[in-house]
Amino acid sequence: MAVTKVTKAAVKRTTIRDMKSLGTYKKEYDRIIEIYAELVEQYAILNERFASEGYQYEVSTADGSTKKAPIVATLESLRKDILAYTDRLCLNPKTIDGIKIEKKKTSALAAALSGLE
């Protein structure tokens, strides 16, 4: 099975496509989508590194005890940020169910002309 590399550009394209499909996309959201795509790319890179290092979730401290590995804390933080952005971009069931999507009204003339095709 081929592994697809997660890139910022690919996440942005997919996000815009999904938002258009849901009827929630506006060009004005592109800056937020850019940040979201960057977070997802960073998460994928760090998650791959975490896996390649054997999912080491604890590290030893100077006093001999253990603490959460920095990469785990970073992944947790990125997960929270990504979830917050999916809420803002209406990309999850929790938020999409709570919004009202307004459809553009078609004028009577446009409706009549579309019926001529």
PDB file of N, CA and C in Angstrom:
ATOM      1  N   MET A   1       0.848  -1.182   0.000  1.00  0.00           N
ATOM      2  CA  MET A   1       0.000   0.000   0.000  1.00  0.00           C
ATOM      3  C   MET A   1       0.893   1.245   0.000  1.00  0.00           C
ATOM      4  N   ALA A   2       0.668   2.159  -0.926  1.00  0.00           N
ATOM      5  CA  ALA A   2       1.458   3.380  -1.035  1.00  0.00           C
ATOM      6  C   ALA A   2       1.013   4.383   0.025  1.00  0.00           C
ATOM      7  N   VAL A   3       1.986   5.043   0.625  1.00  0.00           N
ATOM      8  CA  VAL A   3       1.698   6.052   1.629  1.00  0.00           C
ATOM      9  C   VAL A   3       1.714   7.414   0.947  1.00  0.00           C
ATOM     10  N   THR A   4       0.642   8.159   1.126  1.00  0.00           N
ATOM     11  CA  THR A   4       0.549   9.484   0.544  1.00  0.00           C
ATOM     12  C   THR A   4       1.079  10.497   1.535  1.00  0.00           C
ATOM     13  N   LYS A   5       2.015  11.317   1.087  1.00  0.00           N
ATOM     14  CA  LYS A   5       2.582  12.342   1.955  1.00  0.00           C
ATOM     15  C   LYS A   5       1.572  13.476   2.097  1.00  0.00           C
ATOM     16  N   VAL A   6       1.363  13.878   3.333  1.00  0.00           N
ATOM     17  CA  VAL A   6       0.450  14.984   3.621  1.00  0.00           C
ATOM     18  C   VAL A   6       1.211  16.281   3.409  1.00  0.00           C
ATOM     19  N   THR A   7       0.715  17.109   2.500  1.00  0.00           N
ATOM     20  CA  THR A   7       1.342  18.407   2.256  1.00  0.00           C
ATOM     21  C   THR A   7       0.328  19.515   2.508  1.00  0.00           C
ATOM     22  N   LYS A   8       0.845  20.668   2.812  1.00  0.00           N
ATOM     23  CA  LYS A   8       0.003  21.836   3.053  1.00  0.00           C
ATOM     24  C   LYS A   8      -0.902  22.101   1.844  1.00  0.00           C
ATOM     25  N   ALA A   9      -0.327  22.036   0.644  1.00  0.00           N
ATOM     26  CA  ALA A   9      -1.097  22.302  -0.577  1.00  0.00           C
ATOM     27  C   ALA A   9      -2.223  21.282  -0.754  1.00  0.00           C
ATOM     28  N   ALA A  10      -1.924  20.017  -0.486  1.00  0.00           N
ATOM     29  CA  ALA A  10      -2.945  18.972  -0.637  1.00  0.00           C
ATOM     30  C   ALA A  10      -4.061  19.136   0.394  1.00  0.00           C
ATOM     31  N   VAL A  11      -3.689  19.472   1.624  1.00  0.00           N
ATOM     32  CA  VAL A  11      -4.695  19.685   2.670  1.00  0.00           C
ATOM     33  C   VAL A  11      -5.570  20.880   2.315  1.00  0.00           C
ATOM     34  N   LYS A  12      -4.954  21.934   1.811  1.00  0.00           N
ATOM     35  CA  LYS A  12      -5.720  23.127   1.431  1.00  0.00           C
ATOM     36  C   LYS A  12      -6.715  22.800   0.315  1.00  0.00           C
ATOM     37  N   ARG A  13      -6.250  22.087  -0.719  1.00  0.00           N
ATOM     38  CA  ARG A  13      -7.149  21.709  -1.824  1.00  0.00           C
ATOM     39  C   ARG A  13      -8.316  20.864  -1.318  1.00  0.00           C
ATOM     40  N   THR A  14      -8.009  19.875  -0.499  1.00  0.00           N
ATOM     41  CA  THR A  14      -9.042  18.983   0.018  1.00  0.00           C
ATOM     42  C   THR A  14     -10.018  19.737   0.911  1.00  0.00           C
ATOM     43  N   THR A  15      -9.491  20.623   1.738  1.00  0.00           N
ATOM     44  CA  THR A  15     -10.342  21.400   2.636  1.00  0.00           C
ATOM     45  C   THR A  15     -11.299  22.283   1.854  1.00  0.00           C
ATOM     46  N   ILE A  16     -10.787  22.975   0.850  1.00  0.00           N
ATOM     47  CA  ILE A  16     -11.650  23.836   0.026  1.00  0.00           C
ATOM     48  C   ILE A  16     -12.699  23.000  -0.694  1.00  0.00           C
ATOM     49  N   ARG A  17     -12.286  21.858  -1.250  1.00  0.00           N
ATOM     50  CA  ARG A  17     -13.238  20.969  -1.927  1.00  0.00           C
ATOM     51  C   ARG A  17     -14.329  20.514  -0.956  1.00  0.00           C
ATOM     52  N   ASP A  18     -13.932  20.097   0.247  1.00  0.00           N
ATOM     53  CA  ASP A  18     -14.905  19.640   1.241  1.00  0.00           C
ATOM     54  C   ASP A  18     -15.842  20.763   1.662  1.00  0.00           C
ATOM     55  N   MET A  19     -15.287  21.953   1.873  1.00  0.00           N
ATOM     56  CA  MET A  19     -16.127  23.078   2.279  1.00  0.00           C
ATOM     57  C   MET A  19     -17.107  23.468   1.166  1.00  0.00           C
ATOM     58  N   LYS A  20     -16.656  23.419  -0.070  1.00  0.00           N
ATOM     59  CA  LYS A  20     -17.570  23.713  -1.186  1.00  0.00           C
ATOM     60  C   LYS A  20     -18.687  22.684  -1.229  1.00  0.00           C
ATOM     61  N   SER A  21     -18.328  21.425  -1.016  1.00  0.00           N
ATOM     62  CA  SER A  21     -19.316  20.353  -1.005  1.00  0.00           C
ATOM     63  C   SER A  21     -20.353  20.558   0.103  1.00  0.00           C
ATOM     64  N   LEU A  22     -19.891  21.060   1.249  1.00  0.00           N
ATOM     65  CA  LEU A  22     -20.790  21.312   2.377  1.00  0.00           C
ATOM     66  C   LEU A  22     -21.530  22.641   2.257  1.00  0.00           C
ATOM     67  N   GLY A  23     -21.107  23.474   1.310  1.00  0.00           N
ATOM     68  CA  GLY A  23     -21.737  24.783   1.126  1.00  0.00           C
ATOM     69  C   GLY A  23     -21.258  25.821   2.124  1.00  0.00           C
ATOM     70  N   THR A  24     -20.058  25.638   2.685  1.00  0.00           N
ATOM     71  CA  THR A  24     -19.558  26.560   3.702  1.00  0.00           C
ATOM     72  C   THR A  24     -18.342  27.365   3.260  1.00  0.00           C
ATOM     73  N   TYR A  25     -17.855  27.161   2.044  1.00  0.00           N
ATOM     74  CA  TYR A  25     -16.637  27.828   1.599  1.00  0.00           C
ATOM     75  C   TYR A  25     -16.906  29.252   1.140  1.00  0.00           C
ATOM     76  N   LYS A  26     -16.019  30.148   1.563  1.00  0.00           N
ATOM     77  CA  LYS A  26     -15.971  31.517   1.057  1.00  0.00           C
ATOM     78  C   LYS A  26     -14.500  31.864   0.870  1.00  0.00           C
ATOM     79  N   LYS A  27     -14.197  32.613  -0.157  1.00  0.00           N
ATOM     80  CA  LYS A  27     -12.811  33.013  -0.456  1.00  0.00           C
ATOM     81  C   LYS A  27     -12.177  33.713   0.743  1.00  0.00           C
ATOM     82  N   GLU A  28     -12.968  34.412   1.518  1.00  0.00           N
ATOM     83  CA  GLU A  28     -12.459  35.141   2.678  1.00  0.00           C
ATOM     84  C   GLU A  28     -11.867  34.214   3.743  1.00  0.00           C
ATOM     85  N   TYR A  29     -12.170  32.930   3.696  1.00  0.00           N
ATOM     86  CA  TYR A  29     -11.656  31.965   4.678  1.00  0.00           C
ATOM     87  C   TYR A  29     -10.287  31.415   4.302  1.00  0.00           C
ATOM     88  N   ASP A  30      -9.745  31.813   3.165  1.00  0.00           N
ATOM     89  CA  ASP A  30      -8.494  31.227   2.686  1.00  0.00           C
ATOM     90  C   ASP A  30      -7.328  31.366   3.667  1.00  0.00           C
ATOM     91  N   ARG A  31      -7.246  32.487   4.389  1.00  0.00           N
ATOM     92  CA  ARG A  31      -6.145  32.643   5.355  1.00  0.00           C
ATOM     93  C   ARG A  31      -6.261  31.633   6.494  1.00  0.00           C
ATOM     94  N   ILE A  32      -7.477  31.411   6.954  1.00  0.00           N
ATOM     95  CA  ILE A  32      -7.695  30.427   8.020  1.00  0.00           C
ATOM     96  C   ILE A  32      -7.412  29.024   7.501  1.00  0.00           C
ATOM     97  N   ILE A  33      -7.801  28.764   6.269  1.00  0.00           N
ATOM     98  CA  ILE A  33      -7.547  27.456   5.660  1.00  0.00           C
ATOM     99  C   ILE A  33      -6.044  27.225   5.527  1.00  0.00           C
ATOM    100  N   GLU A  34      -5.283  28.263   5.190  1.00  0.00           N
ATOM    101  CA  GLU A  34      -3.814  28.165   5.090  1.00  0.00           C
ATOM    102  C   GLU A  34      -3.211  27.722   6.425  1.00  0.00           C
ATOM    103  N   ILE A  35      -3.643  28.359   7.499  1.00  0.00           N
ATOM    104  CA  ILE A  35      -3.125  28.016   8.827  1.00  0.00           C
ATOM    105  C   ILE A  35      -3.514  26.587   9.195  1.00  0.00           C
ATOM    106  N   TYR A  36      -4.770  26.239   8.943  1.00  0.00           N
ATOM    107  CA  TYR A  36      -5.245  24.882   9.219  1.00  0.00           C
ATOM    108  C   TYR A  36      -4.418  23.850   8.441  1.00  0.00           C
ATOM    109  N   ALA A  37      -4.188  24.110   7.165  1.00  0.00           N
ATOM    110  CA  ALA A  37      -3.423  23.173   6.335  1.00  0.00           C
ATOM    111  C   ALA A  37      -1.995  23.020   6.852  1.00  0.00           C
ATOM    112  N   GLU A  38      -1.404  24.111   7.306  1.00  0.00           N
ATOM    113  CA  GLU A  38      -0.051  24.055   7.853  1.00  0.00           C
ATOM    114  C   GLU A  38      -0.022  23.220   9.138  1.00  0.00           C
ATOM    115  N   LEU A  39      -1.021  23.390   9.984  1.00  0.00           N
ATOM    116  CA  LEU A  39      -1.092  22.603  11.218  1.00  0.00           C
ATOM    117  C   LEU A  39      -1.222  21.110  10.921  1.00  0.00           C
ATOM    118  N   VAL A  40      -2.054  20.772   9.948  1.00  0.00           N
ATOM    119  CA  VAL A  40      -2.246  19.362   9.586  1.00  0.00           C
ATOM    120  C   VAL A  40      -0.948  18.783   9.024  1.00  0.00           C
ATOM    121  N   GLU A  41      -0.258  19.552   8.203  1.00  0.00           N
ATOM    122  CA  GLU A  41       1.021  19.089   7.666  1.00  0.00           C
ATOM    123  C   GLU A  41       2.036  18.870   8.792  1.00  0.00           C
ATOM    124  N   GLN A  42       2.131  19.818   9.721  1.00  0.00           N
ATOM    125  CA  GLN A  42       3.051  19.673  10.849  1.00  0.00           C
ATOM    126  C   GLN A  42       2.701  18.436  11.674  1.00  0.00           C
ATOM    127  N   TYR A  43       1.419  18.230  11.909  1.00  0.00           N
ATOM    128  CA  TYR A  43       0.973  17.065  12.679  1.00  0.00           C
ATOM    129  C   TYR A  43       1.400  15.774  11.976  1.00  0.00           C
ATOM    130  N   ALA A  44       1.211  15.698  10.684  1.00  0.00           N
ATOM    131  CA  ALA A  44       1.578  14.495   9.926  1.00  0.00           C
ATOM    132  C   ALA A  44       3.079  14.232  10.012  1.00  0.00           C
ATOM    133  N   ILE A  45       3.879  15.280   9.885  1.00  0.00           N
ATOM    134  CA  ILE A  45       5.341  15.135   9.955  1.00  0.00           C
ATOM    135  C   ILE A  45       5.757  14.630  11.331  1.00  0.00           C
ATOM    136  N   LEU A  46       5.230  15.270  12.374  1.00  0.00           N
ATOM    137  CA  LEU A  46       5.609  14.865  13.732  1.00  0.00           C
ATOM    138  C   LEU A  46       5.087  13.478  14.086  1.00  0.00           C
ATOM    139  N   ASN A  47       3.891  13.152  13.613  1.00  0.00           N
ATOM    140  CA  ASN A  47       3.330  11.837  13.893  1.00  0.00           C
ATOM    141  C   ASN A  47       4.165  10.741  13.221  1.00  0.00           C
ATOM    142  N   GLU A  48       4.650  11.032  12.017  1.00  0.00           N
ATOM    143  CA  GLU A  48       5.521  10.081  11.318  1.00  0.00           C
ATOM    144  C   GLU A  48       6.832   9.896  12.081  1.00  0.00           C
ATOM    145  N   ARG A  49       7.389  10.993  12.570  1.00  0.00           N
ATOM    146  CA  ARG A  49       8.621  10.910  13.358  1.00  0.00           C
ATOM    147  C   ARG A  49       8.383  10.118  14.652  1.00  0.00           C
ATOM    148  N   PHE A  50       7.254  10.382  15.310  1.00  0.00           N
ATOM    149  CA  PHE A  50       6.903   9.676  16.547  1.00  0.00           C
ATOM    150  C   PHE A  50       6.819   8.172  16.289  1.00  0.00           C
ATOM    151  N   ALA A  51       6.207   7.804  15.179  1.00  0.00           N
ATOM    152  CA  ALA A  51       6.097   6.382  14.826  1.00  0.00           C
ATOM    153  C   ALA A  51       7.463   5.785  14.532  1.00  0.00           C
ATOM    154  N   SER A  52       8.281   6.511  13.779  1.00  0.00           N
ATOM    155  CA  SER A  52       9.601   5.977  13.414  1.00  0.00           C
ATOM    156  C   SER A  52      10.513   5.821  14.626  1.00  0.00           C
ATOM    157  N   GLU A  53      10.235   6.588  15.681  1.00  0.00           N
ATOM    158  CA  GLU A  53      11.026   6.486  16.906  1.00  0.00           C
ATOM    159  C   GLU A  53      10.431   5.462  17.878  1.00  0.00           C
ATOM    160  N   GLY A  54       9.458   4.683  17.400  1.00  0.00           N
ATOM    161  CA  GLY A  54       8.886   3.623  18.228  1.00  0.00           C
ATOM    162  C   GLY A  54       7.850   4.090  19.234  1.00  0.00           C
ATOM    163  N   TYR A  55       7.194   5.208  18.974  1.00  0.00           N
ATOM    164  CA  TYR A  55       6.153   5.739  19.860  1.00  0.00           C
ATOM    165  C   TYR A  55       6.647   5.905  21.298  1.00  0.00           C
ATOM    166  N   GLN A  56       7.828   6.439  21.443  1.00  0.00           N
ATOM    167  CA  GLN A  56       8.384   6.666  22.777  1.00  0.00           C
ATOM    168  C   GLN A  56       7.645   7.849  23.403  1.00  0.00           C
ATOM    169  N   TYR A  57       6.731   7.554  24.322  1.00  0.00           N
ATOM    170  CA  TYR A  57       5.878   8.589  24.887  1.00  0.00           C
ATOM    171  C   TYR A  57       6.413   9.154  26.212  1.00  0.00           C
ATOM    172  N   GLU A  58       7.465   8.540  26.764  1.00  0.00           N
ATOM    173  CA  GLU A  58       8.064   9.058  27.986  1.00  0.00           C
ATOM    174  C   GLU A  58       9.574   9.201  27.801  1.00  0.00           C
ATOM    175  N   VAL A  59      10.130  10.175  28.499  1.00  0.00           N
ATOM    176  CA  VAL A  59      11.580  10.361  28.503  1.00  0.00           C
ATOM    177  C   VAL A  59      12.046  10.453  29.953  1.00  0.00           C
ATOM    178  N   SER A  60      13.284  10.104  30.173  1.00  0.00           N
ATOM    179  CA  SER A  60      13.858  10.179  31.520  1.00  0.00           C
ATOM    180  C   SER A  60      14.261  11.611  31.831  1.00  0.00           C
ATOM    181  N   THR A  61      14.125  11.962  33.090  1.00  0.00           N
ATOM    182  CA  THR A  61      14.543  13.288  33.545  1.00  0.00           C
ATOM    183  C   THR A  61      15.879  13.162  34.271  1.00  0.00           C
ATOM    184  N   ALA A  62      16.463  14.277  34.633  1.00  0.00           N
ATOM    185  CA  ALA A  62      17.759  14.293  35.305  1.00  0.00           C
ATOM    186  C   ALA A  62      17.710  13.586  36.659  1.00  0.00           C
ATOM    187  N   ASP A  63      16.547  13.640  37.315  1.00  0.00           N
ATOM    188  CA  ASP A  63      16.451  13.008  38.637  1.00  0.00           C
ATOM    189  C   ASP A  63      16.064  11.526  38.572  1.00  0.00           C
ATOM    190  N   GLY A  64      15.991  10.975  37.375  1.00  0.00           N
ATOM    191  CA  GLY A  64      15.709   9.548  37.219  1.00  0.00           C
ATOM    192  C   GLY A  64      14.251   9.195  37.028  1.00  0.00           C
ATOM    193  N   SER A  65      13.367  10.151  37.171  1.00  0.00           N
ATOM    194  CA  SER A  65      11.949   9.878  36.926  1.00  0.00           C
ATOM    195  C   SER A  65      11.659  10.014  35.424  1.00  0.00           C
ATOM    196  N   THR A  66      10.408   9.863  35.053  1.00  0.00           N
ATOM    197  CA  THR A  66      10.038  10.015  33.646  1.00  0.00           C
ATOM    198  C   THR A  66       8.988  11.109  33.504  1.00  0.00           C
ATOM    199  N   LYS A  67       8.926  11.650  32.318  1.00  0.00           N
ATOM    200  CA  LYS A  67       7.899  12.644  31.995  1.00  0.00           C
ATOM    201  C   LYS A  67       7.469  12.424  30.550  1.00  0.00           C
ATOM    202  N   LYS A  68       6.378  13.050  30.201  1.00  0.00           N
ATOM    203  CA  LYS A  68       5.847  12.950  28.836  1.00  0.00           C
ATOM    204  C   LYS A  68       6.883  13.492  27.862  1.00  0.00           C
ATOM    205  N   ALA A  69       7.090  12.762  26.783  1.00  0.00           N
ATOM    206  CA  ALA A  69       8.044  13.193  25.763  1.00  0.00           C
ATOM    207  C   ALA A  69       7.562  14.496  25.122  1.00  0.00           C
ATOM    208  N   PRO A  70       8.475  15.398  24.808  1.00  0.00           N
ATOM    209  CA  PRO A  70       8.082  16.670  24.182  1.00  0.00           C
ATOM    210  C   PRO A  70       7.278  16.485  22.897  1.00  0.00           C
ATOM    211  N   ILE A  71       7.592  15.462  22.111  1.00  0.00           N
ATOM    212  CA  ILE A  71       6.861  15.258  20.861  1.00  0.00           C
ATOM    213  C   ILE A  71       5.402  14.904  21.143  1.00  0.00           C
ATOM    214  N   VAL A  72       5.139  14.201  22.239  1.00  0.00           N
ATOM    215  CA  VAL A  72       3.759  13.847  22.602  1.00  0.00           C
ATOM    216  C   VAL A  72       2.986  15.105  22.971  1.00  0.00           C
ATOM    217  N   ALA A  73       3.602  15.975  23.756  1.00  0.00           N
ATOM    218  CA  ALA A  73       2.952  17.231  24.135  1.00  0.00           C
ATOM    219  C   ALA A  73       2.662  18.080  22.900  1.00  0.00           C
ATOM    220  N   THR A  74       3.604  18.107  21.972  1.00  0.00           N
ATOM    221  CA  THR A  74       3.413  18.884  20.745  1.00  0.00           C
ATOM    222  C   THR A  74       2.279  18.302  19.911  1.00  0.00           C
ATOM    223  N   LEU A  75       2.243  16.978  19.773  1.00  0.00           N
ATOM    224  CA  LEU A  75       1.161  16.332  19.018  1.00  0.00           C
ATOM    225  C   LEU A  75      -0.196  16.614  19.658  1.00  0.00           C
ATOM    226  N   GLU A  76      -0.258  16.559  20.988  1.00  0.00           N
ATOM    227  CA  GLU A  76      -1.517  16.848  21.682  1.00  0.00           C
ATOM    228  C   GLU A  76      -1.962  18.284  21.424  1.00  0.00           C
ATOM    229  N   SER A  77      -1.019  19.204  21.484  1.00  0.00           N
ATOM    230  CA  SER A  77      -1.330  20.607  21.236  1.00  0.00           C
ATOM    231  C   SER A  77      -1.818  20.822  19.798  1.00  0.00           C
ATOM    232  N   LEU A  78      -1.135  20.191  18.850  1.00  0.00           N
ATOM    233  CA  LEU A  78      -1.551  20.309  17.451  1.00  0.00           C
ATOM    234  C   LEU A  78      -2.945  19.721  17.242  1.00  0.00           C
ATOM    235  N   ARG A  79      -3.225  18.587  17.893  1.00  0.00           N
ATOM    236  CA  ARG A  79      -4.565  17.984  17.780  1.00  0.00           C
ATOM    237  C   ARG A  79      -5.638  18.964  18.237  1.00  0.00           C
ATOM    238  N   LYS A  80      -5.393  19.609  19.367  1.00  0.00           N
ATOM    239  CA  LYS A  80      -6.364  20.582  19.893  1.00  0.00           C
ATOM    240  C   LYS A  80      -6.533  21.753  18.932  1.00  0.00           C
ATOM    241  N   ASP A  81      -5.430  22.244  18.392  1.00  0.00           N
ATOM    242  CA  ASP A  81      -5.496  23.366  17.447  1.00  0.00           C
ATOM    243  C   ASP A  81      -6.249  22.957  16.177  1.00  0.00           C
ATOM    244  N   ILE A  82      -5.945  21.770  15.669  1.00  0.00           N
ATOM    245  CA  ILE A  82      -6.619  21.276  14.455  1.00  0.00           C
ATOM    246  C   ILE A  82      -8.115  21.146  14.703  1.00  0.00           C
ATOM    247  N   LEU A  83      -8.489  20.622  15.860  1.00  0.00           N
ATOM    248  CA  LEU A  83      -9.910  20.493  16.185  1.00  0.00           C
ATOM    249  C   LEU A  83     -10.581  21.857  16.238  1.00  0.00           C
ATOM    250  N   ALA A  84      -9.908  22.843  16.821  1.00  0.00           N
ATOM    251  CA  ALA A  84     -10.471  24.191  16.883  1.00  0.00           C
ATOM    252  C   ALA A  84     -10.679  24.760  15.476  1.00  0.00           C
ATOM    253  N   TYR A  85      -9.727  24.537  14.595  1.00  0.00           N
ATOM    254  CA  TYR A  85      -9.866  25.023  13.220  1.00  0.00           C
ATOM    255  C   TYR A  85     -10.955  24.267  12.460  1.00  0.00           C
ATOM    256  N   THR A  86     -11.099  22.961  12.699  1.00  0.00           N
ATOM    257  CA  THR A  86     -12.182  22.237  12.023  1.00  0.00           C
ATOM    258  C   THR A  86     -13.532  22.767  12.487  1.00  0.00           C
ATOM    259  N   ASP A  87     -13.616  23.201  13.747  1.00  0.00           N
ATOM    260  CA  ASP A  87     -14.853  23.828  14.225  1.00  0.00           C
ATOM    261  C   ASP A  87     -15.117  25.127  13.469  1.00  0.00           C
ATOM    262  N   ARG A  88     -14.097  25.973  13.369  1.00  0.00           N
ATOM    263  CA  ARG A  88     -14.262  27.267  12.704  1.00  0.00           C
ATOM    264  C   ARG A  88     -14.576  27.122  11.217  1.00  0.00           C
ATOM    265  N   LEU A  89     -14.023  26.087  10.608  1.00  0.00           N
ATOM    266  CA  LEU A  89     -14.235  25.875   9.177  1.00  0.00           C
ATOM    267  C   LEU A  89     -15.441  24.974   8.892  1.00  0.00           C
ATOM    268  N   CYS A  90     -16.151  24.590   9.945  1.00  0.00           N
ATOM    269  CA  CYS A  90     -17.365  23.748   9.827  1.00  0.00           C
ATOM    270  C   CYS A  90     -17.059  22.424   9.124  1.00  0.00           C
ATOM    271  N   LEU A  91     -15.971  21.783   9.528  1.00  0.00           N
ATOM    272  CA  LEU A  91     -15.548  20.539   8.897  1.00  0.00           C
ATOM    273  C   LEU A  91     -15.805  19.303   9.750  1.00  0.00           C
ATOM    274  N   ASN A  92     -16.554  19.456  10.822  1.00  0.00           N
ATOM    275  CA  ASN A  92     -16.862  18.278  11.626  1.00  0.00           C
ATOM    276  C   ASN A  92     -18.352  18.224  11.934  1.00  0.00           C
ATOM    277  N   PRO A  93     -18.865  17.059  12.271  1.00  0.00           N
ATOM    278  CA  PRO A  93     -20.305  16.904  12.498  1.00  0.00           C
ATOM    279  C   PRO A  93     -20.859  17.814  13.585  1.00  0.00           C
ATOM    280  N   LYS A  94     -20.064  18.085  14.608  1.00  0.00           N
ATOM    281  CA  LYS A  94     -20.535  18.931  15.707  1.00  0.00           C
ATOM    282  C   LYS A  94     -20.940  20.313  15.207  1.00  0.00           C
ATOM    283  N   THR A  95     -20.130  20.906  14.362  1.00  0.00           N
ATOM    284  CA  THR A  95     -20.415  22.270  13.922  1.00  0.00           C
ATOM    285  C   THR A  95     -21.315  22.325  12.697  1.00  0.00           C
ATOM    286  N   ILE A  96     -21.191  21.374  11.798  1.00  0.00           N
ATOM    287  CA  ILE A  96     -22.000  21.438  10.570  1.00  0.00           C
ATOM    288  C   ILE A  96     -23.481  21.269  10.884  1.00  0.00           C
ATOM    289  N   ASP A  97     -23.799  20.493  11.917  1.00  0.00           N
ATOM    290  CA  ASP A  97     -25.206  20.308  12.293  1.00  0.00           C
ATOM    291  C   ASP A  97     -25.797  21.565  12.922  1.00  0.00           C
ATOM    292  N   GLY A  98     -24.941  22.428  13.472  1.00  0.00           N
ATOM    293  CA  GLY A  98     -25.427  23.612  14.159  1.00  0.00           C
ATOM    294  C   GLY A  98     -25.482  24.867  13.321  1.00  0.00           C
ATOM    295  N   ILE A  99     -25.181  24.779  12.027  1.00  0.00           N
ATOM    296  CA  ILE A  99     -25.202  25.994  11.213  1.00  0.00           C
ATOM    297  C   ILE A  99     -26.310  25.933  10.166  1.00  0.00           C
ATOM    298  N   LYS A 100     -26.717  27.098   9.755  1.00  0.00           N
ATOM    299  CA  LYS A 100     -27.716  27.204   8.706  1.00  0.00           C
ATOM    300  C   LYS A 100     -27.008  27.716   7.462  1.00  0.00           C
ATOM    301  N   ILE A 101     -27.018  26.900   6.421  1.00  0.00           N
ATOM    302  CA  ILE A 101     -26.347  27.269   5.181  1.00  0.00           C
ATOM    303  C   ILE A 101     -27.376  27.913   4.265  1.00  0.00           C
ATOM    304  N   GLU A 102     -27.084  29.153   3.889  1.00  0.00           N
ATOM    305  CA  GLU A 102     -27.996  29.881   3.015  1.00  0.00           C
ATOM    306  C   GLU A 102     -27.625  29.610   1.565  1.00  0.00           C
ATOM    307  N   LYS A 103     -28.602  29.182   0.810  1.00  0.00           N
ATOM    308  CA  LYS A 103     -28.406  28.970  -0.624  1.00  0.00           C
ATOM    309  C   LYS A 103     -28.686  30.280  -1.336  1.00  0.00           C
ATOM    310  N   LYS A 104     -27.892  30.543  -2.372  1.00  0.00           N
ATOM    311  CA  LYS A 104     -28.136  31.747  -3.163  1.00  0.00           C
ATOM    312  C   LYS A 104     -29.454  31.584  -3.896  1.00  0.00           C
ATOM    313  N   LYS A 105     -30.277  32.614  -3.801  1.00  0.00           N
ATOM    314  CA  LYS A 105     -31.566  32.570  -4.473  1.00  0.00           C
ATOM    315  C   LYS A 105     -31.379  32.829  -5.958  1.00  0.00           C
ATOM    316  N   THR A 106     -32.088  32.065  -6.757  1.00  0.00           N
ATOM    317  CA  THR A 106     -32.036  32.224  -8.196  1.00  0.00           C
ATOM    318  C   THR A 106     -33.180  33.147  -8.609  1.00  0.00           C
ATOM    319  N   SER A 107     -32.859  34.125  -9.432  1.00  0.00           N
ATOM    320  CA  SER A 107     -33.900  35.032  -9.898  1.00  0.00           C
ATOM    321  C   SER A 107     -34.862  34.281 -10.814  1.00  0.00           C
ATOM    322  N   ALA A 108     -36.052  34.818 -10.977  1.00  0.00           N
ATOM    323  CA  ALA A 108     -37.046  34.192 -11.836  1.00  0.00           C
ATOM    324  C   ALA A 108     -36.525  34.093 -13.268  1.00  0.00           C
ATOM    325  N   LEU A 109     -35.821  35.124 -13.731  1.00  0.00           N
ATOM    326  CA  LEU A 109     -35.272  35.115 -15.082  1.00  0.00           C
ATOM    327  C   LEU A 109     -34.221  34.010 -15.231  1.00  0.00           C
ATOM    328  N   ALA A 110     -33.309  33.887 -14.237  1.00  0.00           N
ATOM    329  CA  ALA A 110     -32.280  32.854 -14.298  1.00  0.00           C
ATOM    330  C   ALA A 110     -32.904  31.466 -14.269  1.00  0.00           C
ATOM    331  N   ALA A 111     -33.939  31.285 -13.466  1.00  0.00           N
ATOM    332  CA  ALA A 111     -34.617  29.987 -13.394  1.00  0.00           C
ATOM    333  C   ALA A 111     -35.275  29.660 -14.732  1.00  0.00           C
ATOM    334  N   ALA A 112     -35.909  30.663 -15.360  1.00  0.00           N
ATOM    335  CA  ALA A 112     -36.557  30.433 -16.637  1.00  0.00           C
ATOM    336  C   ALA A 112     -35.531  30.098 -17.718  1.00  0.00           C
ATOM    337  N   LEU A 113     -34.416  30.822 -17.718  1.00  0.00           N
ATOM    338  CA  LEU A 113     -33.387  30.588 -18.718  1.00  0.00           C
ATOM    339  C   LEU A 113     -32.730  29.232 -18.528  1.00  0.00           C
ATOM    340  N   SER A 114     -32.563  28.775 -17.287  1.00  0.00           N
ATOM    341  CA  SER A 114     -31.939  27.469 -17.053  1.00  0.00           C
ATOM    342  C   SER A 114     -32.863  26.346 -17.503  1.00  0.00           C
ATOM    343  N   GLY A 115     -34.152  26.615 -17.548  1.00  0.00           N
ATOM    344  CA  GLY A 115     -35.107  25.604 -18.009  1.00  0.00           C
ATOM    345  C   GLY A 115     -35.108  25.444 -19.529  1.00  0.00           C
ATOM    346  N   LEU A 116     -34.489  26.379 -20.254  1.00  0.00           N
ATOM    347  CA  LEU A 116     -34.450  26.316 -21.708  1.00  0.00           C
ATOM    348  C   LEU A 116     -33.382  25.386 -22.244  1.00  0.00           C
ATOM    349  N   GLU A 117     -32.479  24.946 -21.392  1.00  0.00           N
ATOM    350  CA  GLU A 117     -31.361  24.093 -21.851  1.00  0.00           C
ATOM    351  C   GLU A 117     -31.810  22.740 -22.277  1.00  0.00           C
TER     352      GLU A 117
END
